[in-house]
Amino acid sequence: MAYGGPFVVYYVLIILYERYLSDCFPLSPREWLTPGEGWPLQGWSALGMVCGVTAGMALLFSQQAGKRLRHL
């Protein structure tokens, strides 16, 4: 699961962006790697968004893992 998770997230984001939310370019992982002209701060905001999402997921994981470890 650890190897397949990122692929599934990437695939779901591409599907959402291309089929349903084509106006919401921050959903596209391609835009994260090569930020286009739509990003403010000359593309640095894409890095900030990715870092923010990563920090948020790490915080969520640490909270959930802490709950599980307390129940052992």
PDB file of N, CA and C in Angstrom:
ATOM      1  N   MET A   1       0.818  -1.194   0.000  1.00  0.00           N
ATOM      2  CA  MET A   1       0.000   0.000   0.000  1.00  0.00           C
ATOM      3  C   MET A   1       0.859   1.254   0.000  1.00  0.00           C
ATOM      4  N   ALA A   2       1.985   1.214   0.663  1.00  0.00           N
ATOM      5  CA  ALA A   2       2.822   2.409   0.737  1.00  0.00           C
ATOM      6  C   ALA A   2       3.331   2.810  -0.642  1.00  0.00           C
ATOM      7  N   TYR A   3       3.579   1.846  -1.512  1.00  0.00           N
ATOM      8  CA  TYR A   3       4.066   2.168  -2.855  1.00  0.00           C
ATOM      9  C   TYR A   3       2.925   2.572  -3.792  1.00  0.00           C
ATOM     10  N   GLY A   4       1.737   2.060  -3.573  1.00  0.00           N
ATOM     11  CA  GLY A   4       0.613   2.339  -4.455  1.00  0.00           C
ATOM     12  C   GLY A   4      -0.151   3.605  -4.103  1.00  0.00           C
ATOM     13  N   GLY A   5      -0.059   4.047  -2.871  1.00  0.00           N
ATOM     14  CA  GLY A   5      -0.805   5.222  -2.419  1.00  0.00           C
ATOM     15  C   GLY A   5      -0.527   6.480  -3.223  1.00  0.00           C
ATOM     16  N   PRO A   6       0.727   6.859  -3.408  1.00  0.00           N
ATOM     17  CA  PRO A   6       1.001   8.077  -4.187  1.00  0.00           C
ATOM     18  C   PRO A   6       0.491   7.989  -5.625  1.00  0.00           C
ATOM     19  N   PHE A   7       0.568   6.831  -6.237  1.00  0.00           N
ATOM     20  CA  PHE A   7       0.066   6.676  -7.595  1.00  0.00           C
ATOM     21  C   PHE A   7      -1.437   6.899  -7.644  1.00  0.00           C
ATOM     22  N   VAL A   8      -2.154   6.354  -6.669  1.00  0.00           N
ATOM     23  CA  VAL A   8      -3.607   6.500  -6.637  1.00  0.00           C
ATOM     24  C   VAL A   8      -3.988   7.972  -6.427  1.00  0.00           C
ATOM     25  N   VAL A   9      -3.298   8.654  -5.518  1.00  0.00           N
ATOM     26  CA  VAL A   9      -3.586  10.072  -5.280  1.00  0.00           C
ATOM     27  C   VAL A   9      -3.306  10.889  -6.533  1.00  0.00           C
ATOM     28  N   TYR A  10      -2.189  10.628  -7.198  1.00  0.00           N
ATOM     29  CA  TYR A  10      -1.842  11.327  -8.432  1.00  0.00           C
ATOM     30  C   TYR A  10      -2.924  11.095  -9.492  1.00  0.00           C
ATOM     31  N   TYR A  11      -3.339   9.861  -9.655  1.00  0.00           N
ATOM     32  CA  TYR A  11      -4.338   9.508 -10.658  1.00  0.00           C
ATOM     33  C   TYR A  11      -5.675  10.189 -10.372  1.00  0.00           C
ATOM     34  N   VAL A  12      -6.107  10.183  -9.113  1.00  0.00           N
ATOM     35  CA  VAL A  12      -7.382  10.818  -8.743  1.00  0.00           C
ATOM     36  C   VAL A  12      -7.317  12.324  -8.992  1.00  0.00           C
ATOM     37  N   LEU A  13      -6.198  12.961  -8.643  1.00  0.00           N
ATOM     38  CA  LEU A  13      -6.074  14.400  -8.880  1.00  0.00           C
ATOM     39  C   LEU A  13      -6.096  14.737 -10.366  1.00  0.00           C
ATOM     40  N   ILE A  14      -5.434  13.927 -11.185  1.00  0.00           N
ATOM     41  CA  ILE A  14      -5.455  14.157 -12.630  1.00  0.00           C
ATOM     42  C   ILE A  14      -6.865  14.002 -13.180  1.00  0.00           C
ATOM     43  N   ILE A  15      -7.580  12.980 -12.744  1.00  0.00           N
ATOM     44  CA  ILE A  15      -8.954  12.768 -13.211  1.00  0.00           C
ATOM     45  C   ILE A  15      -9.849  13.928 -12.793  1.00  0.00           C
ATOM     46  N   LEU A  16      -9.751  14.348 -11.536  1.00  0.00           N
ATOM     47  CA  LEU A  16     -10.564  15.478 -11.080  1.00  0.00           C
ATOM     48  C   LEU A  16     -10.269  16.736 -11.876  1.00  0.00           C
ATOM     49  N   TYR A  17      -8.993  17.002 -12.117  1.00  0.00           N
ATOM     50  CA  TYR A  17      -8.612  18.213 -12.827  1.00  0.00           C
ATOM     51  C   TYR A  17      -9.061  18.177 -14.284  1.00  0.00           C
ATOM     52  N   GLU A  18      -8.779  17.086 -14.982  1.00  0.00           N
ATOM     53  CA  GLU A  18      -9.059  17.034 -16.416  1.00  0.00           C
ATOM     54  C   GLU A  18     -10.545  16.901 -16.740  1.00  0.00           C
ATOM     55  N   ARG A  19     -11.302  16.207 -15.911  1.00  0.00           N
ATOM     56  CA  ARG A  19     -12.707  15.954 -16.241  1.00  0.00           C
ATOM     57  C   ARG A  19     -13.685  16.921 -15.602  1.00  0.00           C
ATOM     58  N   TYR A  20     -13.448  17.280 -14.352  1.00  0.00           N
ATOM     59  CA  TYR A  20     -14.473  18.007 -13.621  1.00  0.00           C
ATOM     60  C   TYR A  20     -14.088  19.425 -13.216  1.00  0.00           C
ATOM     61  N   LEU A  21     -12.851  19.638 -12.825  1.00  0.00           N
ATOM     62  CA  LEU A  21     -12.450  20.929 -12.274  1.00  0.00           C
ATOM     63  C   LEU A  21     -11.304  21.533 -13.077  1.00  0.00           C
ATOM     64  N   SER A  22     -11.493  21.702 -14.372  1.00  0.00           N
ATOM     65  CA  SER A  22     -10.406  22.186 -15.226  1.00  0.00           C
ATOM     66  C   SER A  22     -10.035  23.641 -14.938  1.00  0.00           C
ATOM     67  N   ASP A  23     -10.899  24.388 -14.265  1.00  0.00           N
ATOM     68  CA  ASP A  23     -10.571  25.766 -13.909  1.00  0.00           C
ATOM     69  C   ASP A  23      -9.707  25.859 -12.648  1.00  0.00           C
ATOM     70  N   CYS A  24      -9.631  24.795 -11.888  1.00  0.00           N
ATOM     71  CA  CYS A  24      -8.883  24.788 -10.631  1.00  0.00           C
ATOM     72  C   CYS A  24      -7.502  24.163 -10.860  1.00  0.00           C
ATOM     73  N   PHE A  25      -6.578  24.961 -11.418  1.00  0.00           N
ATOM     74  CA  PHE A  25      -5.274  24.430 -11.803  1.00  0.00           C
ATOM     75  C   PHE A  25      -4.400  23.959 -10.636  1.00  0.00           C
ATOM     76  N   PRO A  26      -4.593  24.407  -9.377  1.00  0.00           N
ATOM     77  CA  PRO A  26      -3.751  23.861  -8.301  1.00  0.00           C
ATOM     78  C   PRO A  26      -3.979  22.367  -8.023  1.00  0.00           C
ATOM     79  N   LEU A  27      -5.041  21.787  -8.567  1.00  0.00           N
ATOM     80  CA  LEU A  27      -5.260  20.350  -8.381  1.00  0.00           C
ATOM     81  C   LEU A  27      -4.340  19.499  -9.244  1.00  0.00           C
ATOM     82  N   SER A  28      -3.783  20.067 -10.275  1.00  0.00           N
ATOM     83  CA  SER A  28      -2.965  19.301 -11.208  1.00  0.00           C
ATOM     84  C   SER A  28      -1.549  19.115 -10.679  1.00  0.00           C
ATOM     85  N   PRO A  29      -1.116  17.876 -10.438  1.00  0.00           N
ATOM     86  CA  PRO A  29       0.265  17.647  -9.992  1.00  0.00           C
ATOM     87  C   PRO A  29       1.298  18.109 -11.017  1.00  0.00           C
ATOM     88  N   ARG A  30       0.926  18.174 -12.280  1.00  0.00           N
ATOM     89  CA  ARG A  30       1.855  18.693 -13.292  1.00  0.00           C
ATOM     90  C   ARG A  30       2.175  20.157 -13.032  1.00  0.00           C
ATOM     91  N   GLU A  31       1.198  20.901 -12.541  1.00  0.00           N
ATOM     92  CA  GLU A  31       1.417  22.316 -12.215  1.00  0.00           C
ATOM     93  C   GLU A  31       2.330  22.478 -11.006  1.00  0.00           C
ATOM     94  N   TRP A  32       2.373  21.482 -10.135  1.00  0.00           N
ATOM     95  CA  TRP A  32       3.255  21.566  -8.976  1.00  0.00           C
ATOM     96  C   TRP A  32       4.710  21.438  -9.398  1.00  0.00           C
ATOM     97  N   LEU A  33       4.957  20.594 -10.401  1.00  0.00           N
ATOM     98  CA  LEU A  33       6.333  20.377 -10.849  1.00  0.00           C
ATOM     99  C   LEU A  33       6.843  21.499 -11.739  1.00  0.00           C
ATOM    100  N   THR A  34       5.977  21.999 -12.617  1.00  0.00           N
ATOM    101  CA  THR A  34       6.341  23.105 -13.502  1.00  0.00           C
ATOM    102  C   THR A  34       5.252  24.162 -13.411  1.00  0.00           C
ATOM    103  N   PRO A  35       5.336  25.041 -12.411  1.00  0.00           N
ATOM    104  CA  PRO A  35       4.289  26.045 -12.225  1.00  0.00           C
ATOM    105  C   PRO A  35       4.151  26.957 -13.435  1.00  0.00           C
ATOM    106  N   GLY A  36       2.921  27.182 -13.834  1.00  0.00           N
ATOM    107  CA  GLY A  36       2.639  28.046 -14.971  1.00  0.00           C
ATOM    108  C   GLY A  36       2.508  29.499 -14.546  1.00  0.00           C
ATOM    109  N   GLU A  37       1.947  30.285 -15.414  1.00  0.00           N
ATOM    110  CA  GLU A  37       1.812  31.716 -15.158  1.00  0.00           C
ATOM    111  C   GLU A  37       0.674  32.044 -14.197  1.00  0.00           C
ATOM    112  N   GLY A  38      -0.196  31.109 -13.910  1.00  0.00           N
ATOM    113  CA  GLY A  38      -1.325  31.368 -13.025  1.00  0.00           C
ATOM    114  C   GLY A  38      -0.965  31.442 -11.553  1.00  0.00           C
ATOM    115  N   TRP A  39       0.181  30.941 -11.191  1.00  0.00           N
ATOM    116  CA  TRP A  39       0.600  30.930  -9.787  1.00  0.00           C
ATOM    117  C   TRP A  39       1.143  32.300  -9.394  1.00  0.00           C
ATOM    118  N   PRO A  40       0.737  32.798  -8.238  1.00  0.00           N
ATOM    119  CA  PRO A  40       1.351  34.037  -7.756  1.00  0.00           C
ATOM    120  C   PRO A  40       2.766  33.776  -7.233  1.00  0.00           C
ATOM    121  N   LEU A  41       3.517  34.811  -7.019  1.00  0.00           N
ATOM    122  CA  LEU A  41       4.885  34.754  -6.490  1.00  0.00           C
ATOM    123  C   LEU A  41       5.822  33.966  -7.392  1.00  0.00           C
ATOM    124  N   GLN A  42       5.606  34.020  -8.681  1.00  0.00           N
ATOM    125  CA  GLN A  42       6.461  33.387  -9.688  1.00  0.00           C
ATOM    126  C   GLN A  42       6.621  31.881  -9.467  1.00  0.00           C
ATOM    127  N   GLY A  43       5.584  31.224  -9.013  1.00  0.00           N
ATOM    128  CA  GLY A  43       5.607  29.782  -8.832  1.00  0.00           C
ATOM    129  C   GLY A  43       6.010  29.330  -7.445  1.00  0.00           C
ATOM    130  N   TRP A  44       6.498  30.226  -6.612  1.00  0.00           N
ATOM    131  CA  TRP A  44       6.880  29.826  -5.251  1.00  0.00           C
ATOM    132  C   TRP A  44       5.672  29.450  -4.416  1.00  0.00           C
ATOM    133  N   SER A  45       4.508  29.939  -4.776  1.00  0.00           N
ATOM    134  CA  SER A  45       3.305  29.577  -4.035  1.00  0.00           C
ATOM    135  C   SER A  45       2.951  28.099  -4.254  1.00  0.00           C
ATOM    136  N   ALA A  46       3.360  27.523  -5.395  1.00  0.00           N
ATOM    137  CA  ALA A  46       3.142  26.088  -5.612  1.00  0.00           C
ATOM    138  C   ALA A  46       3.955  25.281  -4.599  1.00  0.00           C
ATOM    139  N   LEU A  47       5.185  25.706  -4.366  1.00  0.00           N
ATOM    140  CA  LEU A  47       6.018  25.036  -3.364  1.00  0.00           C
ATOM    141  C   LEU A  47       5.402  25.193  -1.982  1.00  0.00           C
ATOM    142  N   GLY A  48       4.898  26.375  -1.676  1.00  0.00           N
ATOM    143  CA  GLY A  48       4.251  26.601  -0.390  1.00  0.00           C
ATOM    144  C   GLY A  48       3.018  25.732  -0.206  1.00  0.00           C
ATOM    145  N   MET A  49       2.239  25.564  -1.275  1.00  0.00           N
ATOM    146  CA  MET A  49       1.052  24.736  -1.187  1.00  0.00           C
ATOM    147  C   MET A  49       1.417  23.268  -0.949  1.00  0.00           C
ATOM    148  N   VAL A  50       2.399  22.778  -1.672  1.00  0.00           N
ATOM    149  CA  VAL A  50       2.814  21.386  -1.508  1.00  0.00           C
ATOM    150  C   VAL A  50       3.383  21.160  -0.110  1.00  0.00           C
ATOM    151  N   CYS A  51       4.183  22.099   0.382  1.00  0.00           N
ATOM    152  CA  CYS A  51       4.723  21.977   1.744  1.00  0.00           C
ATOM    153  C   CYS A  51       3.612  22.040   2.787  1.00  0.00           C
ATOM    154  N   GLY A  52       2.625  22.894   2.570  1.00  0.00           N
ATOM    155  CA  GLY A  52       1.504  22.993   3.494  1.00  0.00           C
ATOM    156  C   GLY A  52       0.666  21.731   3.538  1.00  0.00           C
ATOM    157  N   VAL A  53       0.402  21.154   2.383  1.00  0.00           N
ATOM    158  CA  VAL A  53      -0.366  19.901   2.326  1.00  0.00           C
ATOM    159  C   VAL A  53       0.429  18.774   2.990  1.00  0.00           C
ATOM    160  N   THR A  54       1.734  18.737   2.749  1.00  0.00           N
ATOM    161  CA  THR A  54       2.577  17.712   3.363  1.00  0.00           C
ATOM    162  C   THR A  54       2.597  17.858   4.883  1.00  0.00           C
ATOM    163  N   ALA A  55       2.734  19.085   5.372  1.00  0.00           N
ATOM    164  CA  ALA A  55       2.735  19.315   6.821  1.00  0.00           C
ATOM    165  C   ALA A  55       1.381  18.961   7.433  1.00  0.00           C
ATOM    166  N   GLY A  56       0.305  19.301   6.748  1.00  0.00           N
ATOM    167  CA  GLY A  56      -1.022  18.958   7.248  1.00  0.00           C
ATOM    168  C   GLY A  56      -1.247  17.457   7.327  1.00  0.00           C
ATOM    169  N   MET A  57      -0.814  16.739   6.310  1.00  0.00           N
ATOM    170  CA  MET A  57      -0.959  15.283   6.327  1.00  0.00           C
ATOM    171  C   MET A  57      -0.067  14.655   7.403  1.00  0.00           C
ATOM    172  N   ALA A  58       1.125  15.205   7.619  1.00  0.00           N
ATOM    173  CA  ALA A  58       2.006  14.702   8.674  1.00  0.00           C
ATOM    174  C   ALA A  58       1.384  14.928  10.045  1.00  0.00           C
ATOM    175  N   LEU A  59       0.764  16.078  10.239  1.00  0.00           N
ATOM    176  CA  LEU A  59       0.095  16.359  11.509  1.00  0.00           C
ATOM    177  C   LEU A  59      -1.080  15.417  11.721  1.00  0.00           C
ATOM    178  N   LEU A  60      -1.880  15.210  10.695  1.00  0.00           N
ATOM    179  CA  LEU A  60      -3.005  14.284  10.791  1.00  0.00           C
ATOM    180  C   LEU A  60      -2.527  12.865  11.098  1.00  0.00           C
ATOM    181  N   PHE A  61      -1.452  12.444  10.424  1.00  0.00           N
ATOM    182  CA  PHE A  61      -0.904  11.114  10.682  1.00  0.00           C
ATOM    183  C   PHE A  61      -0.408  10.984  12.113  1.00  0.00           C
ATOM    184  N   SER A  62       0.292  12.005  12.612  1.00  0.00           N
ATOM    185  CA  SER A  62       0.837  11.911  13.976  1.00  0.00           C
ATOM    186  C   SER A  62      -0.274  11.861  15.012  1.00  0.00           C
ATOM    187  N   GLN A  63      -1.365  12.582  14.774  1.00  0.00           N
ATOM    188  CA  GLN A  63      -2.491  12.517  15.696  1.00  0.00           C
ATOM    189  C   GLN A  63      -3.134  11.137  15.688  1.00  0.00           C
ATOM    190  N   GLN A  64      -3.365  10.588  14.505  1.00  0.00           N
ATOM    191  CA  GLN A  64      -3.989   9.271  14.407  1.00  0.00           C
ATOM    192  C   GLN A  64      -3.070   8.182  14.961  1.00  0.00           C
ATOM    193  N   ALA A  65      -1.779   8.277  14.683  1.00  0.00           N
ATOM    194  CA  ALA A  65      -0.840   7.284  15.202  1.00  0.00           C
ATOM    195  C   ALA A  65      -0.752   7.373  16.717  1.00  0.00           C
ATOM    196  N   GLY A  66      -0.801   8.590  17.253  1.00  0.00           N
ATOM    197  CA  GLY A  66      -0.770   8.759  18.705  1.00  0.00           C
ATOM    198  C   GLY A  66      -1.970   8.117  19.372  1.00  0.00           C
ATOM    199  N   LYS A  67      -3.132   8.256  18.758  1.00  0.00           N
ATOM    200  CA  LYS A  67      -4.334   7.605  19.312  1.00  0.00           C
ATOM    201  C   LYS A  67      -4.189   6.094  19.325  1.00  0.00           C
ATOM    202  N   ARG A  68      -3.672   5.560  18.220  1.00  0.00           N
ATOM    203  CA  ARG A  68      -3.508   4.104  18.131  1.00  0.00           C
ATOM    204  C   ARG A  68      -2.492   3.594  19.143  1.00  0.00           C
ATOM    205  N   LEU A  69      -1.406   4.335  19.320  1.00  0.00           N
ATOM    206  CA  LEU A  69      -0.369   3.897  20.254  1.00  0.00           C
ATOM    207  C   LEU A  69      -0.845   3.984  21.708  1.00  0.00           C
ATOM    208  N   ARG A  70      -1.700   4.941  22.019  1.00  0.00           N
ATOM    209  CA  ARG A  70      -2.224   5.038  23.381  1.00  0.00           C
ATOM    210  C   ARG A  70      -3.166   3.891  23.720  1.00  0.00           C
ATOM    211  N   HIS A  71      -3.782   3.299  22.710  1.00  0.00           N
ATOM    212  CA  HIS A  71      -4.725   2.199  22.938  1.00  0.00           C
ATOM    213  C   HIS A  71      -4.043   0.847  23.029  1.00  0.00           C
ATOM    214  N   LEU A  72      -2.746   0.797  22.814  1.00  0.00           N
ATOM    215  CA  LEU A  72      -2.031  -0.490  22.900  1.00  0.00           C
ATOM    216  C   LEU A  72      -1.754  -0.891  24.318  1.00  0.00           C
TER     217      LEU A  72
END
